[in-house]
Amino acid sequence: MPFGKLMDEKAALSEIANCEKLITVGDVVSMTALKNGLKPKLMIYDFCTERRTMDQLGGMLRSVEGTQVRITNPPGHIVPAMVLGIQQAFKRVGSTKMQVDGEEDLAAPVCAALAPLGTCMIYGMPKKGIVFVKIDEEVRDQARSLINSMEESN
């Protein structure tokens, strides 16, 4: 995503401390949030990081109350099931845990386009840090523009 602030874990945790709603996109940032006692509204993960299997998150998720959703989303795509799952997560009371079979990287712009204003989101930039985004009209417009510019495939 072409927006957000890249920061280290400590700075990201400081930023999200004042957020009412939190979205985590990615296994490492989801684990980081849970390890620090945060309760994301929506966690999106694929049990992989940098194309390697990551099992630690699964154990942590079992203790998190919330609705479990599982979708299939191929790399480089945004499938309707992902969009619908994210829309439903924001309507649902409580947390949503969305497991993606395939790739969750493009979930971040979808979340930015659909999340209520004021929602915070973190996603990982491998070997660089955590990107923090607070959803406002500008972020929402940028995300929608990015999604609309993507080539549609059948």
N, C-alpha and C. Protein backbone atom coordinates (compact mmCIF):
# COMPACT_ATOMS: atom_id res chain seq x y z
N MET A 1 0.85 -1.18 0.00
CA MET A 1 0.00 0.00 0.00
C MET A 1 0.89 1.23 0.00
N PRO A 2 0.51 2.25 -0.72
CA PRO A 2 1.35 3.43 -0.84
C PRO A 2 1.15 4.44 0.29
N PHE A 3 0.67 4.01 1.43
CA PHE A 3 0.44 4.97 2.51
C PHE A 3 0.65 4.29 3.85
N GLY A 4 0.77 5.10 4.87
CA GLY A 4 1.05 4.60 6.22
C GLY A 4 2.44 5.01 6.64
N LYS A 5 2.70 4.82 7.93
CA LYS A 5 4.00 5.17 8.49
C LYS A 5 4.75 3.90 8.84
N LEU A 6 5.95 3.75 8.29
CA LEU A 6 6.81 2.62 8.63
C LEU A 6 7.49 2.91 9.95
N MET A 7 7.42 1.96 10.88
CA MET A 7 8.02 2.18 12.20
C MET A 7 8.46 0.86 12.80
N ASP A 8 9.17 0.96 13.92
CA ASP A 8 9.55 -0.27 14.62
C ASP A 8 8.39 -0.70 15.52
N GLU A 9 8.55 -1.88 16.11
CA GLU A 9 7.47 -2.46 16.92
C GLU A 9 7.07 -1.56 18.07
N LYS A 10 8.04 -1.00 18.77
CA LYS A 10 7.74 -0.16 19.93
C LYS A 10 6.92 1.07 19.53
N ALA A 11 7.31 1.72 18.45
CA ALA A 11 6.59 2.91 17.99
C ALA A 11 5.18 2.53 17.53
N ALA A 12 5.05 1.40 16.83
CA ALA A 12 3.73 0.97 16.35
C ALA A 12 2.81 0.66 17.53
N LEU A 13 3.34 -0.01 18.55
CA LEU A 13 2.52 -0.31 19.73
C LEU A 13 2.09 0.97 20.44
N SER A 14 2.95 1.96 20.45
CA SER A 14 2.61 3.24 21.05
C SER A 14 1.48 3.92 20.26
N GLU A 15 1.55 3.88 18.95
CA GLU A 15 0.52 4.49 18.10
C GLU A 15 -0.83 3.82 18.30
N ILE A 16 -0.86 2.48 18.36
CA ILE A 16 -2.14 1.78 18.42
C ILE A 16 -2.73 1.74 19.82
N ALA A 17 -1.98 2.19 20.80
CA ALA A 17 -2.49 2.20 22.18
C ALA A 17 -3.74 3.05 22.31
N ASN A 18 -3.88 4.06 21.48
CA ASN A 18 -5.03 4.97 21.57
C ASN A 18 -6.13 4.66 20.56
N CYS A 19 -6.04 3.52 19.90
CA CYS A 19 -7.02 3.17 18.88
C CYS A 19 -8.17 2.38 19.48
N GLU A 20 -9.38 2.72 19.06
CA GLU A 20 -10.56 1.97 19.51
C GLU A 20 -10.69 0.65 18.76
N LYS A 21 -10.46 0.67 17.46
CA LYS A 21 -10.54 -0.54 16.64
C LYS A 21 -9.21 -0.74 15.94
N LEU A 22 -8.78 -2.01 15.89
CA LEU A 22 -7.50 -2.36 15.29
C LEU A 22 -7.67 -3.50 14.31
N ILE A 23 -7.01 -3.36 13.18
CA ILE A 23 -6.92 -4.42 12.17
C ILE A 23 -5.45 -4.82 12.09
N THR A 24 -5.20 -6.12 12.06
CA THR A 24 -3.85 -6.61 11.81
C THR A 24 -3.88 -7.44 10.54
N VAL A 25 -2.97 -7.16 9.63
CA VAL A 25 -2.85 -7.92 8.39
C VAL A 25 -1.46 -8.54 8.38
N GLY A 26 -1.43 -9.84 8.56
CA GLY A 26 -0.16 -10.57 8.57
C GLY A 26 0.02 -11.31 9.87
N ASP A 27 0.77 -12.38 9.78
CA ASP A 27 0.97 -13.26 10.93
C ASP A 27 1.81 -12.61 12.03
N VAL A 28 2.92 -11.98 11.65
CA VAL A 28 3.82 -11.42 12.66
C VAL A 28 3.17 -10.27 13.40
N VAL A 29 2.48 -9.37 12.68
CA VAL A 29 1.84 -8.25 13.38
C VAL A 29 0.66 -8.73 14.21
N SER A 30 -0.03 -9.77 13.76
CA SER A 30 -1.13 -10.33 14.56
C SER A 30 -0.58 -10.91 15.86
N MET A 31 0.53 -11.64 15.76
CA MET A 31 1.16 -12.18 16.97
C MET A 31 1.64 -11.07 17.89
N THR A 32 2.23 -10.05 17.32
CA THR A 32 2.71 -8.92 18.11
C THR A 32 1.57 -8.29 18.88
N ALA A 33 0.44 -8.07 18.22
CA ALA A 33 -0.72 -7.48 18.90
C ALA A 33 -1.19 -8.37 20.04
N LEU A 34 -1.33 -9.66 19.78
CA LEU A 34 -1.82 -10.58 20.81
C LEU A 34 -0.84 -10.69 21.98
N LYS A 35 0.45 -10.75 21.69
CA LYS A 35 1.47 -10.83 22.75
C LYS A 35 1.43 -9.60 23.66
N ASN A 36 0.97 -8.50 23.11
CA ASN A 36 0.93 -7.25 23.89
C ASN A 36 -0.46 -6.95 24.44
N GLY A 37 -1.30 -7.97 24.48
CA GLY A 37 -2.60 -7.84 25.13
C GLY A 37 -3.65 -7.09 24.33
N LEU A 38 -3.41 -6.85 23.08
CA LEU A 38 -4.38 -6.14 22.25
C LEU A 38 -5.41 -7.11 21.70
N LYS A 39 -6.60 -6.60 21.44
CA LYS A 39 -7.69 -7.42 20.91
C LYS A 39 -8.16 -6.82 19.59
N PRO A 40 -7.50 -7.20 18.50
CA PRO A 40 -7.90 -6.64 17.20
C PRO A 40 -9.35 -6.97 16.84
N LYS A 41 -9.98 -6.04 16.19
CA LYS A 41 -11.32 -6.25 15.65
C LYS A 41 -11.27 -7.27 14.52
N LEU A 42 -10.19 -7.21 13.73
CA LEU A 42 -10.01 -8.10 12.60
C LEU A 42 -8.54 -8.47 12.49
N MET A 43 -8.28 -9.75 12.43
CA MET A 43 -6.93 -10.27 12.19
C MET A 43 -6.98 -11.09 10.91
N ILE A 44 -6.08 -10.79 9.99
CA ILE A 44 -6.02 -11.51 8.72
C ILE A 44 -4.62 -12.12 8.63
N TYR A 45 -4.56 -13.41 8.36
CA TYR A 45 -3.29 -14.14 8.39
C TYR A 45 -3.38 -15.35 7.48
N ASP A 46 -2.20 -15.90 7.16
CA ASP A 46 -2.16 -17.08 6.29
C ASP A 46 -1.24 -18.18 6.82
N PHE A 47 -0.79 -18.03 8.06
CA PHE A 47 0.12 -18.97 8.70
C PHE A 47 1.44 -19.11 7.94
N CYS A 48 1.86 -18.01 7.28
CA CYS A 48 3.16 -17.96 6.60
C CYS A 48 3.75 -16.58 6.84
N THR A 49 5.07 -16.54 6.85
CA THR A 49 5.75 -15.26 6.84
C THR A 49 6.96 -15.41 5.94
N GLU A 50 7.12 -14.47 5.04
CA GLU A 50 8.19 -14.52 4.05
C GLU A 50 8.22 -15.88 3.36
N ARG A 51 7.06 -16.38 3.02
CA ARG A 51 6.87 -17.64 2.30
C ARG A 51 7.26 -18.88 3.09
N ARG A 52 7.45 -18.73 4.40
CA ARG A 52 7.75 -19.87 5.27
C ARG A 52 6.58 -20.10 6.21
N THR A 53 6.28 -21.38 6.49
CA THR A 53 5.19 -21.72 7.40
C THR A 53 5.47 -21.15 8.79
N MET A 54 4.42 -20.64 9.42
CA MET A 54 4.54 -20.05 10.75
C MET A 54 3.43 -20.62 11.63
N ASP A 55 3.80 -21.50 12.55
CA ASP A 55 2.81 -22.19 13.37
C ASP A 55 2.49 -21.51 14.69
N GLN A 56 3.33 -20.62 15.17
CA GLN A 56 3.15 -20.03 16.50
C GLN A 56 1.82 -19.30 16.65
N LEU A 57 1.37 -18.66 15.60
CA LEU A 57 0.15 -17.87 15.69
C LEU A 57 -1.07 -18.75 15.98
N GLY A 58 -1.10 -19.95 15.42
CA GLY A 58 -2.25 -20.84 15.60
C GLY A 58 -2.57 -21.10 17.05
N GLY A 59 -1.56 -21.37 17.86
CA GLY A 59 -1.77 -21.60 19.28
C GLY A 59 -2.32 -20.38 19.99
N MET A 60 -1.84 -19.21 19.62
CA MET A 60 -2.32 -17.98 20.24
C MET A 60 -3.77 -17.70 19.86
N LEU A 61 -4.14 -18.00 18.62
CA LEU A 61 -5.49 -17.71 18.14
C LEU A 61 -6.55 -18.55 18.83
N ARG A 62 -6.18 -19.76 19.26
CA ARG A 62 -7.16 -20.63 19.92
C ARG A 62 -7.71 -19.99 21.19
N SER A 63 -6.93 -19.12 21.83
CA SER A 63 -7.40 -18.50 23.06
C SER A 63 -8.13 -17.17 22.82
N VAL A 64 -8.25 -16.77 21.57
CA VAL A 64 -8.91 -15.51 21.23
C VAL A 64 -10.36 -15.79 20.86
N GLU A 65 -11.27 -15.14 21.59
CA GLU A 65 -12.68 -15.29 21.25
C GLU A 65 -12.98 -14.49 19.99
N GLY A 66 -13.84 -15.05 19.17
CA GLY A 66 -14.22 -14.36 17.96
C GLY A 66 -14.68 -15.33 16.91
N THR A 67 -15.14 -14.76 15.83
CA THR A 67 -15.65 -15.55 14.71
C THR A 67 -14.49 -15.95 13.82
N GLN A 68 -14.41 -17.23 13.49
CA GLN A 68 -13.38 -17.74 12.59
C GLN A 68 -13.94 -17.77 11.17
N VAL A 69 -13.22 -17.17 10.24
CA VAL A 69 -13.58 -17.14 8.84
C VAL A 69 -12.40 -17.69 8.05
N ARG A 70 -12.67 -18.48 7.04
CA ARG A 70 -11.59 -19.02 6.21
C ARG A 70 -11.95 -18.79 4.75
N ILE A 71 -11.01 -18.18 4.03
CA ILE A 71 -11.23 -17.92 2.61
C ILE A 71 -10.01 -18.37 1.81
N THR A 72 -10.20 -18.50 0.53
CA THR A 72 -9.11 -18.79 -0.39
C THR A 72 -8.89 -17.55 -1.24
N ASN A 73 -7.64 -17.09 -1.28
CA ASN A 73 -7.29 -15.91 -2.06
C ASN A 73 -5.92 -16.12 -2.69
N PRO A 74 -5.85 -16.28 -4.00
CA PRO A 74 -4.56 -16.52 -4.63
C PRO A 74 -3.65 -15.30 -4.56
N PRO A 75 -2.33 -15.50 -4.60
CA PRO A 75 -1.39 -14.37 -4.60
C PRO A 75 -1.70 -13.38 -5.72
N GLY A 76 -1.61 -12.10 -5.39
CA GLY A 76 -1.81 -11.05 -6.38
C GLY A 76 -3.26 -10.79 -6.75
N HIS A 77 -4.18 -11.34 -5.96
CA HIS A 77 -5.60 -11.17 -6.26
C HIS A 77 -6.37 -10.68 -5.04
N ILE A 78 -7.52 -10.11 -5.32
CA ILE A 78 -8.50 -9.79 -4.29
C ILE A 78 -9.79 -10.47 -4.74
N VAL A 79 -10.16 -11.54 -4.06
CA VAL A 79 -11.36 -12.28 -4.45
C VAL A 79 -12.58 -11.71 -3.72
N PRO A 80 -13.76 -11.88 -4.30
CA PRO A 80 -14.98 -11.37 -3.66
C PRO A 80 -15.17 -11.90 -2.23
N ALA A 81 -14.76 -13.14 -1.96
CA ALA A 81 -14.91 -13.69 -0.61
C ALA A 81 -14.11 -12.89 0.41
N MET A 82 -12.95 -12.37 0.01
CA MET A 82 -12.16 -11.55 0.93
C MET A 82 -12.89 -10.24 1.22
N VAL A 83 -13.39 -9.61 0.18
CA VAL A 83 -14.09 -8.33 0.36
C VAL A 83 -15.31 -8.54 1.25
N LEU A 84 -16.09 -9.57 0.96
CA LEU A 84 -17.28 -9.86 1.76
C LEU A 84 -16.92 -10.18 3.20
N GLY A 85 -15.89 -10.99 3.40
CA GLY A 85 -15.45 -11.34 4.76
C GLY A 85 -15.03 -10.13 5.57
N ILE A 86 -14.34 -9.20 4.92
CA ILE A 86 -13.90 -7.97 5.59
C ILE A 86 -15.11 -7.08 5.90
N GLN A 87 -16.03 -6.95 4.95
CA GLN A 87 -17.24 -6.16 5.19
C GLN A 87 -18.03 -6.72 6.38
N GLN A 88 -18.20 -8.02 6.41
CA GLN A 88 -18.95 -8.66 7.50
C GLN A 88 -18.24 -8.50 8.84
N ALA A 89 -16.92 -8.52 8.83
CA ALA A 89 -16.17 -8.37 10.09
C ALA A 89 -16.49 -7.04 10.75
N PHE A 90 -16.66 -5.98 9.96
CA PHE A 90 -16.93 -4.67 10.54
C PHE A 90 -18.37 -4.54 11.02
N LYS A 91 -19.25 -5.39 10.53
CA LYS A 91 -20.64 -5.38 10.99
C LYS A 91 -20.84 -6.27 12.22
N ARG A 92 -19.93 -7.18 12.43
CA ARG A 92 -20.05 -8.19 13.49
C ARG A 92 -19.64 -7.62 14.84
N VAL A 93 -20.33 -8.07 15.87
CA VAL A 93 -19.91 -7.74 17.24
C VAL A 93 -18.76 -8.68 17.58
N GLY A 94 -17.73 -8.17 18.18
CA GLY A 94 -16.59 -9.02 18.55
C GLY A 94 -15.56 -9.08 17.44
N SER A 95 -14.56 -9.90 17.68
CA SER A 95 -13.43 -10.03 16.77
C SER A 95 -13.69 -11.03 15.67
N THR A 96 -12.97 -10.84 14.57
CA THR A 96 -12.98 -11.79 13.47
C THR A 96 -11.55 -12.24 13.21
N LYS A 97 -11.38 -13.54 13.08
CA LYS A 97 -10.09 -14.14 12.74
C LYS A 97 -10.24 -14.70 11.33
N MET A 98 -9.57 -14.08 10.36
CA MET A 98 -9.71 -14.48 8.97
C MET A 98 -8.44 -15.20 8.51
N GLN A 99 -8.59 -16.49 8.31
CA GLN A 99 -7.49 -17.29 7.78
C GLN A 99 -7.59 -17.32 6.26
N VAL A 100 -6.50 -16.99 5.61
CA VAL A 100 -6.47 -16.97 4.16
C VAL A 100 -5.63 -18.13 3.66
N ASP A 101 -6.23 -18.96 2.84
CA ASP A 101 -5.49 -20.00 2.13
C ASP A 101 -5.02 -19.35 0.84
N GLY A 102 -3.74 -19.15 0.73
CA GLY A 102 -3.17 -18.44 -0.41
C GLY A 102 -2.35 -17.28 0.10
N GLU A 103 -2.81 -16.07 -0.16
CA GLU A 103 -2.04 -14.88 0.20
C GLU A 103 -2.94 -13.78 0.73
N GLU A 104 -2.51 -13.15 1.83
CA GLU A 104 -3.31 -12.09 2.45
C GLU A 104 -2.76 -10.70 2.22
N ASP A 105 -1.67 -10.58 1.44
CA ASP A 105 -1.01 -9.28 1.30
C ASP A 105 -1.92 -8.17 0.78
N LEU A 106 -2.83 -8.46 -0.12
CA LEU A 106 -3.69 -7.42 -0.67
C LEU A 106 -4.93 -7.15 0.17
N ALA A 107 -5.00 -7.77 1.34
CA ALA A 107 -6.11 -7.49 2.24
C ALA A 107 -6.00 -6.09 2.84
N ALA A 108 -4.78 -5.57 2.97
CA ALA A 108 -4.60 -4.26 3.60
C ALA A 108 -5.34 -3.14 2.85
N PRO A 109 -5.21 -3.03 1.53
CA PRO A 109 -5.97 -1.96 0.88
C PRO A 109 -7.48 -2.18 0.95
N VAL A 110 -7.92 -3.43 0.95
CA VAL A 110 -9.35 -3.70 1.09
C VAL A 110 -9.84 -3.22 2.45
N CYS A 111 -9.07 -3.54 3.49
CA CYS A 111 -9.43 -3.07 4.84
C CYS A 111 -9.47 -1.55 4.90
N ALA A 112 -8.47 -0.91 4.29
CA ALA A 112 -8.42 0.56 4.31
C ALA A 112 -9.61 1.15 3.57
N ALA A 113 -10.06 0.48 2.53
CA ALA A 113 -11.19 0.99 1.75
C ALA A 113 -12.52 0.80 2.47
N LEU A 114 -12.61 -0.21 3.33
CA LEU A 114 -13.89 -0.57 3.93
C LEU A 114 -14.03 -0.28 5.43
N ALA A 115 -12.93 -0.09 6.12
CA ALA A 115 -12.97 0.07 7.57
C ALA A 115 -13.64 1.38 7.97
N PRO A 116 -14.29 1.37 9.13
CA PRO A 116 -14.85 2.63 9.64
C PRO A 116 -13.74 3.67 9.85
N LEU A 117 -14.08 4.92 9.62
CA LEU A 117 -13.12 5.99 9.84
C LEU A 117 -12.61 5.94 11.29
N GLY A 118 -11.34 6.20 11.46
CA GLY A 118 -10.74 6.17 12.79
C GLY A 118 -10.15 4.83 13.17
N THR A 119 -10.46 3.78 12.40
CA THR A 119 -9.89 2.47 12.67
C THR A 119 -8.39 2.51 12.39
N CYS A 120 -7.62 1.81 13.19
CA CYS A 120 -6.18 1.71 12.98
C CYS A 120 -5.85 0.35 12.36
N MET A 121 -4.82 0.32 11.54
CA MET A 121 -4.40 -0.92 10.92
C MET A 121 -2.88 -0.99 10.96
N ILE A 122 -2.39 -2.20 11.22
CA ILE A 122 -0.96 -2.45 11.09
C ILE A 122 -0.76 -3.64 10.17
N TYR A 123 0.29 -3.54 9.39
CA TYR A 123 0.70 -4.65 8.54
C TYR A 123 2.22 -4.64 8.47
N GLY A 124 2.78 -5.79 8.17
CA GLY A 124 4.23 -5.92 8.20
C GLY A 124 4.89 -5.63 6.87
N MET A 125 6.08 -5.09 6.96
CA MET A 125 6.98 -4.94 5.82
C MET A 125 8.20 -5.78 6.16
N PRO A 126 8.29 -7.00 5.62
CA PRO A 126 9.38 -7.91 5.99
C PRO A 126 10.75 -7.25 5.93
N LYS A 127 11.50 -7.48 6.99
CA LYS A 127 12.86 -6.97 7.15
C LYS A 127 12.94 -5.44 7.27
N LYS A 128 11.78 -4.78 7.37
CA LYS A 128 11.77 -3.32 7.46
C LYS A 128 11.06 -2.82 8.70
N GLY A 129 9.94 -3.43 9.07
CA GLY A 129 9.20 -2.98 10.24
C GLY A 129 7.71 -3.16 10.07
N ILE A 130 6.98 -2.33 10.78
CA ILE A 130 5.52 -2.38 10.81
C ILE A 130 5.00 -1.07 10.22
N VAL A 131 3.99 -1.19 9.37
CA VAL A 131 3.36 0.00 8.83
C VAL A 131 2.08 0.26 9.63
N PHE A 132 1.94 1.48 10.11
CA PHE A 132 0.77 1.92 10.86
C PHE A 132 -0.05 2.85 9.97
N VAL A 133 -1.36 2.60 9.92
CA VAL A 133 -2.28 3.43 9.14
C VAL A 133 -3.49 3.72 10.00
N LYS A 134 -3.89 4.98 10.09
CA LYS A 134 -5.16 5.34 10.71
C LYS A 134 -6.09 5.72 9.57
N ILE A 135 -7.23 5.03 9.49
CA ILE A 135 -8.13 5.20 8.36
C ILE A 135 -8.85 6.54 8.46
N ASP A 136 -8.64 7.36 7.45
CA ASP A 136 -9.37 8.62 7.30
C ASP A 136 -9.85 8.69 5.85
N GLU A 137 -10.50 9.76 5.48
CA GLU A 137 -11.04 9.88 4.11
C GLU A 137 -9.94 9.77 3.06
N GLU A 138 -8.79 10.40 3.32
CA GLU A 138 -7.69 10.37 2.35
C GLU A 138 -7.17 8.95 2.15
N VAL A 139 -6.96 8.22 3.25
CA VAL A 139 -6.49 6.84 3.17
C VAL A 139 -7.52 5.98 2.44
N ARG A 140 -8.78 6.17 2.80
CA ARG A 140 -9.85 5.40 2.16
C ARG A 140 -9.87 5.65 0.65
N ASP A 141 -9.75 6.92 0.25
CA ASP A 141 -9.75 7.26 -1.18
C ASP A 141 -8.53 6.65 -1.88
N GLN A 142 -7.37 6.72 -1.26
CA GLN A 142 -6.16 6.14 -1.85
C GLN A 142 -6.32 4.63 -2.03
N ALA A 143 -6.87 3.97 -1.03
CA ALA A 143 -7.06 2.52 -1.10
C ALA A 143 -8.03 2.17 -2.21
N ARG A 144 -9.13 2.88 -2.30
CA ARG A 144 -10.11 2.61 -3.34
C ARG A 144 -9.52 2.86 -4.73
N SER A 145 -8.73 3.91 -4.85
CA SER A 145 -8.09 4.20 -6.13
C SER A 145 -7.11 3.09 -6.51
N LEU A 146 -6.34 2.62 -5.54
CA LEU A 146 -5.40 1.52 -5.79
C LEU A 146 -6.15 0.26 -6.24
N ILE A 147 -7.20 -0.08 -5.54
CA ILE A 147 -7.98 -1.27 -5.89
C ILE A 147 -8.58 -1.12 -7.29
N ASN A 148 -9.13 0.05 -7.58
CA ASN A 148 -9.75 0.28 -8.88
C ASN A 148 -8.73 0.26 -10.03
N SER A 149 -7.47 0.56 -9.73
CA SER A 149 -6.45 0.56 -10.77
C SER A 149 -5.91 -0.83 -11.07
N MET A 150 -6.23 -1.79 -10.22
CA MET A 150 -5.73 -3.15 -10.43
C MET A 150 -6.48 -3.80 -11.60
N GLU A 151 -5.76 -4.60 -12.32
CA GLU A 151 -6.35 -5.29 -13.47
C GLU A 151 -7.29 -6.37 -12.98
N GLU A 152 -8.48 -6.41 -13.58
CA GLU A 152 -9.46 -7.44 -13.21
C GLU A 152 -9.17 -8.69 -14.04
N SER A 153 -9.20 -9.82 -13.36
CA SER A 153 -9.00 -11.08 -14.07
C SER A 153 -10.18 -12.01 -13.82
N ASN A 154 -10.47 -12.83 -14.76
CA ASN A 154 -11.60 -13.76 -14.64
C ASN A 154 -11.11 -15.14 -14.31
